[in-house]
């Protein structure tokens, strides 16, 4: 009996050491992802990143109630907040729902409940990052197939909502037209508080961002260029970005 107990202790000891070695080894290999700074678009009402990660219980409730399927849950390759919600504006922005259901669904306070309406949302700020590719500025008509990405996304959704069907319908019909998509698709009830197309000195129209921008990422999603000309800077205010540029 004594020998069996000794062998068992040795097995537990060396098994534990082996697992610990694998974990530490994996930590060394994957540490750039595991401890890298998070700088992603979080759902409406998200607290400061450190507080958000501390409070988020990774329940996925915000994802389940989003009528536009905008919210994803991060995996290991996305950073140290594994299982936490984020929005990839290259795929689907946030459409600033009137009642902000993702916030109402959050049981932990990681999404602050003082965010009650679209105007309360402060996810980041839109920036015309690549002006040289902007179709509106170069007077280039919206190309054929510009809406294929949204069509494919819609087709991939299992429980498509009427809001998504309406969105796709609104997004269609711009082929061959002057590009105003970023301004036209802004989900705010008063989009001119956030973005407008203004004439530039070269005869085109430039998207101009105002302090009403909530950083929803819709302009980035709908931009018809291969790499979006307009992008959202997460967790940056209008004043912070435009005061320094």
Protein backbone atom coordinates (compact mmCIF):
# COMPACT_ATOMS: atom_id res chain seq x y z
CA UNK A 1 0.00 0.00 0.00
CA UNK A 2 2.84 2.39 0.88
CA UNK A 3 4.47 1.80 -2.54
CA UNK A 4 1.18 2.50 -4.33
CA UNK A 5 0.77 5.80 -2.43
CA UNK A 6 4.38 6.78 -3.22
CA UNK A 7 3.93 6.00 -6.90
CA UNK A 8 0.72 8.02 -6.93
CA UNK A 9 2.44 11.01 -5.34
CA UNK A 10 5.22 10.82 -7.93
CA UNK A 11 2.69 10.61 -10.74
CA UNK A 12 0.80 13.69 -9.48
CA UNK A 13 4.04 15.58 -8.91
CA UNK A 14 5.52 15.00 -12.34
CA UNK A 15 2.21 15.29 -14.16
CA UNK A 16 1.64 18.65 -12.51
CA UNK A 17 5.15 19.81 -13.36
CA UNK A 18 4.65 18.69 -16.95
CA UNK A 19 1.37 20.59 -17.30
CA UNK A 20 2.91 23.64 -15.64
CA UNK A 21 5.80 23.49 -18.09
CA UNK A 22 3.39 23.36 -21.03
CA UNK A 23 1.42 26.30 -19.67
CA UNK A 24 4.54 28.35 -19.08
CA UNK A 25 5.91 27.38 -22.47
CA UNK A 26 2.66 28.37 -24.11
CA UNK A 27 2.78 31.64 -22.20
CA UNK A 28 6.19 32.39 -23.64
CA UNK A 29 5.09 31.52 -27.15
CA UNK A 30 1.74 33.28 -27.04
CA UNK A 31 2.48 36.13 -24.65
CA UNK A 32 2.21 38.80 -27.37
CA UNK A 33 -1.47 37.87 -27.66
CA UNK A 34 -2.11 37.06 -24.02
CA UNK A 35 -0.77 40.27 -22.52
CA UNK A 36 -0.96 42.61 -25.51
CA UNK A 37 -2.88 45.83 -25.00
CA UNK A 38 -6.51 45.64 -26.07
CA UNK A 39 -7.59 48.27 -28.55
CA UNK A 40 -10.78 47.04 -30.08
CA UNK A 41 -14.27 48.34 -30.51
CA UNK A 42 -16.36 47.30 -27.53
CA UNK A 43 -20.18 47.32 -27.43
CA UNK A 44 -22.04 50.45 -26.34
CA UNK A 45 -21.62 51.48 -22.73
CA UNK A 46 -18.35 49.58 -22.22
CA UNK A 47 -16.33 50.80 -19.27
CA UNK A 48 -12.64 51.67 -19.52
CA UNK A 49 -10.85 48.57 -20.81
CA UNK A 50 -9.31 47.51 -17.48
CA UNK A 51 -12.64 47.84 -15.67
CA UNK A 52 -14.52 46.23 -18.56
CA UNK A 53 -12.28 43.15 -18.48
CA UNK A 54 -12.61 42.93 -14.71
CA UNK A 55 -16.41 43.05 -14.75
CA UNK A 56 -17.33 41.21 -17.95
CA UNK A 57 -18.44 37.67 -17.06
CA UNK A 58 -18.36 36.55 -20.72
CA UNK A 59 -21.98 35.47 -20.65
CA UNK A 60 -22.73 36.47 -24.24
CA UNK A 61 -26.06 38.08 -23.35
CA UNK A 62 -25.18 41.24 -25.29
CA UNK A 63 -24.46 39.14 -28.37
CA UNK A 64 -27.75 37.28 -28.10
CA UNK A 65 -29.93 40.39 -28.00
CA UNK A 66 -28.15 42.34 -30.77
CA UNK A 67 -30.65 42.55 -33.67
CA UNK A 68 -27.89 43.23 -36.21
CA UNK A 69 -25.49 40.45 -35.18
CA UNK A 70 -22.82 43.09 -34.67
CA UNK A 71 -21.23 41.61 -31.55
CA UNK A 72 -18.66 38.83 -31.52
CA UNK A 73 -16.85 37.04 -28.69
CA UNK A 74 -13.08 37.13 -28.79
CA UNK A 75 -11.02 33.95 -28.98
CA UNK A 76 -7.47 33.30 -27.75
CA UNK A 77 -5.85 34.85 -30.81
CA UNK A 78 -7.69 38.13 -30.23
CA UNK A 79 -5.96 39.10 -26.98
CA UNK A 80 -6.17 38.50 -23.25
CA UNK A 81 -9.90 39.21 -23.01
CA UNK A 82 -10.89 35.74 -24.20
CA UNK A 83 -14.67 35.39 -24.40
CA UNK A 84 -15.34 39.11 -24.11
CA UNK A 85 -17.58 40.91 -26.61
CA UNK A 86 -16.27 43.20 -29.34
CA UNK A 87 -17.34 44.62 -32.70
CA UNK A 88 -15.39 44.16 -35.92
CA UNK A 89 -16.40 47.20 -37.97
CA UNK A 90 -14.93 45.66 -41.11
CA UNK A 91 -17.68 43.05 -40.88
CA UNK A 92 -20.61 44.73 -39.13
CA UNK A 93 -20.78 48.01 -37.25
CA UNK A 94 -23.10 48.89 -34.39
CA UNK A 95 -26.43 50.29 -35.55
CA UNK A 96 -27.11 52.21 -32.35
CA UNK A 97 -30.45 50.65 -31.42
CA UNK A 98 -32.85 53.07 -29.79
CA UNK A 99 -33.15 51.13 -26.51
CA UNK A 100 -29.50 49.93 -26.56
CA UNK A 101 -30.53 46.31 -25.77
CA UNK A 102 -26.97 45.05 -25.33
CA UNK A 103 -26.55 47.37 -22.36
CA UNK A 104 -29.89 46.34 -20.86
CA UNK A 105 -28.88 42.68 -21.18
CA UNK A 106 -25.52 43.07 -19.41
CA UNK A 107 -25.88 41.60 -15.90
CA UNK A 108 -22.48 42.67 -14.54
CA UNK A 109 -22.18 46.37 -15.27
CA UNK A 110 -19.36 45.91 -17.78
CA UNK A 111 -21.70 47.77 -20.13
CA UNK A 112 -22.75 50.76 -18.08
CA UNK A 113 -26.50 51.16 -17.73
CA UNK A 114 -26.31 54.96 -17.87
CA UNK A 115 -25.98 54.40 -21.64
CA UNK A 116 -29.70 54.55 -22.39
CA UNK A 117 -29.94 55.94 -25.93
CA UNK A 118 -27.80 56.17 -29.07
CA UNK A 119 -26.53 59.65 -28.19
CA UNK A 120 -25.09 58.24 -24.94
CA UNK A 121 -22.86 55.83 -26.87
CA UNK A 122 -19.15 56.68 -27.01
CA UNK A 123 -17.30 53.79 -28.62
CA UNK A 124 -14.67 55.82 -30.47
CA UNK A 125 -14.48 58.28 -33.35
CA UNK A 126 -14.50 57.97 -37.14
CA UNK A 127 -11.44 59.14 -39.05
CA UNK A 128 -10.83 59.52 -42.79
CA UNK A 129 -7.67 57.44 -42.58
CA UNK A 130 -7.05 56.91 -46.31
CA UNK A 131 -8.31 60.00 -48.11
CA UNK A 132 -6.45 59.05 -51.29
CA UNK A 133 -8.73 55.99 -51.77
CA UNK A 134 -12.03 57.74 -50.94
CA UNK A 135 -14.39 57.39 -53.92
CA UNK A 136 -16.29 60.55 -53.03
CA UNK A 137 -13.15 62.67 -53.04
CA UNK A 138 -12.02 61.32 -56.41
CA UNK A 139 -15.52 61.54 -57.92
CA UNK A 140 -15.40 57.80 -58.66
CA UNK A 141 -18.84 56.16 -58.98
CA UNK A 142 -19.75 53.39 -56.58
CA UNK A 143 -18.58 50.16 -58.27
CA UNK A 144 -20.61 47.12 -59.19
CA UNK A 145 -20.75 44.51 -56.44
CA UNK A 146 -20.01 47.02 -53.68
CA UNK A 147 -22.75 45.47 -51.53
CA UNK A 148 -21.63 41.85 -51.92
CA UNK A 149 -20.04 41.79 -48.48
CA UNK A 150 -23.31 42.71 -46.82
CA UNK A 151 -25.22 40.26 -48.99
CA UNK A 152 -22.83 37.47 -47.94
CA UNK A 153 -23.07 38.45 -44.28
CA UNK A 154 -26.86 38.48 -44.43
CA UNK A 155 -26.87 35.08 -46.10
CA UNK A 156 -24.68 33.65 -43.34
CA UNK A 157 -27.04 34.71 -40.54
CA UNK A 158 -29.28 31.91 -39.32
CA UNK A 159 -31.92 33.99 -37.54
CA UNK A 160 -32.03 37.04 -39.79
CA UNK A 161 -34.06 39.91 -38.35
CA UNK A 162 -36.40 42.31 -40.19
CA UNK A 163 -34.02 45.13 -39.23
CA UNK A 164 -31.21 43.42 -41.13
CA UNK A 165 -33.41 42.91 -44.18
CA UNK A 166 -34.32 46.60 -44.09
CA UNK A 167 -30.66 47.52 -43.73
CA UNK A 168 -29.66 45.53 -46.81
CA UNK A 169 -32.47 47.14 -48.77
CA UNK A 170 -31.30 50.62 -47.74
CA UNK A 171 -27.71 49.78 -48.66
CA UNK A 172 -28.62 48.65 -52.17
CA UNK A 173 -29.08 50.93 -55.17
CA UNK A 174 -25.89 52.99 -55.03
CA UNK A 175 -24.12 51.32 -57.95
CA UNK A 176 -22.86 53.95 -60.42
CA UNK A 177 -23.86 56.80 -58.09
CA UNK A 178 -21.66 59.33 -56.35
CA UNK A 179 -20.50 57.75 -53.10
CA UNK A 180 -22.22 59.10 -50.00
CA UNK A 181 -22.54 55.76 -48.23
CA UNK A 182 -20.73 56.65 -45.01
CA UNK A 183 -22.99 59.65 -44.43
CA UNK A 184 -26.21 58.05 -45.69
CA UNK A 185 -25.83 54.89 -43.61
CA UNK A 186 -25.03 56.63 -40.31
CA UNK A 187 -27.57 55.13 -37.88
CA UNK A 188 -28.10 58.21 -35.71
CA UNK A 189 -31.48 59.92 -35.90
CA UNK A 190 -29.59 63.13 -36.68
CA UNK A 191 -26.66 61.87 -38.78
CA UNK A 192 -25.57 65.41 -39.64
CA UNK A 193 -24.42 65.77 -36.05
CA UNK A 194 -21.85 63.07 -36.75
CA UNK A 195 -20.89 63.13 -40.43
CA UNK A 196 -21.61 65.03 -43.65
CA UNK A 197 -20.33 65.13 -47.20
CA UNK A 198 -18.78 68.54 -47.89
CA UNK A 199 -17.29 69.83 -51.18
CA UNK A 200 -13.50 69.81 -51.29
CA UNK A 201 -11.10 71.94 -53.29
CA UNK A 202 -10.66 69.27 -56.00
CA UNK A 203 -14.31 69.09 -56.97
CA UNK A 204 -15.15 66.00 -54.98
CA UNK A 205 -16.89 65.55 -51.65
CA UNK A 206 -15.11 64.77 -48.43
CA UNK A 207 -16.70 63.01 -45.44
CA UNK A 208 -16.36 65.42 -42.53
CA UNK A 209 -16.67 64.12 -38.97
CA UNK A 210 -18.35 66.12 -36.20
CA UNK A 211 -18.45 65.81 -32.45
CA UNK A 212 -21.76 63.92 -32.57
CA UNK A 213 -19.92 60.84 -33.90
CA UNK A 214 -20.35 57.90 -31.52
CA UNK A 215 -17.74 55.63 -33.14
CA UNK A 216 -20.29 52.97 -34.13
CA UNK A 217 -18.20 51.72 -37.05
CA UNK A 218 -21.03 51.68 -39.61
CA UNK A 219 -19.16 54.07 -41.92
CA UNK A 220 -16.21 51.67 -41.87
CA UNK A 221 -18.44 48.68 -42.62
CA UNK A 222 -20.21 50.25 -45.59
CA UNK A 223 -17.20 51.96 -47.19
CA UNK A 224 -17.02 50.37 -50.68
CA UNK A 225 -13.22 50.51 -51.04
CA UNK A 226 -11.20 47.32 -50.59
CA UNK A 227 -9.56 48.74 -47.48
CA UNK A 228 -12.05 51.12 -45.83
CA UNK A 229 -11.07 54.75 -46.41
CA UNK A 230 -12.84 55.74 -43.21
CA UNK A 231 -12.19 53.84 -39.99
CA UNK A 232 -13.06 54.08 -36.32
CA UNK A 233 -10.46 54.70 -33.66
CA UNK A 234 -11.72 52.75 -30.62
CA UNK A 235 -11.96 54.42 -27.21
CA UNK A 236 -10.89 57.83 -28.50
CA UNK A 237 -13.08 60.92 -28.17
CA UNK A 238 -13.62 63.50 -30.89
CA UNK A 239 -11.73 66.06 -28.81
CA UNK A 240 -8.81 63.72 -28.16
CA UNK A 241 -8.30 62.84 -31.80
CA UNK A 242 -9.13 66.02 -33.65
CA UNK A 243 -7.44 68.31 -31.13
CA UNK A 244 -4.17 66.54 -31.81
CA UNK A 245 -4.48 66.29 -35.62
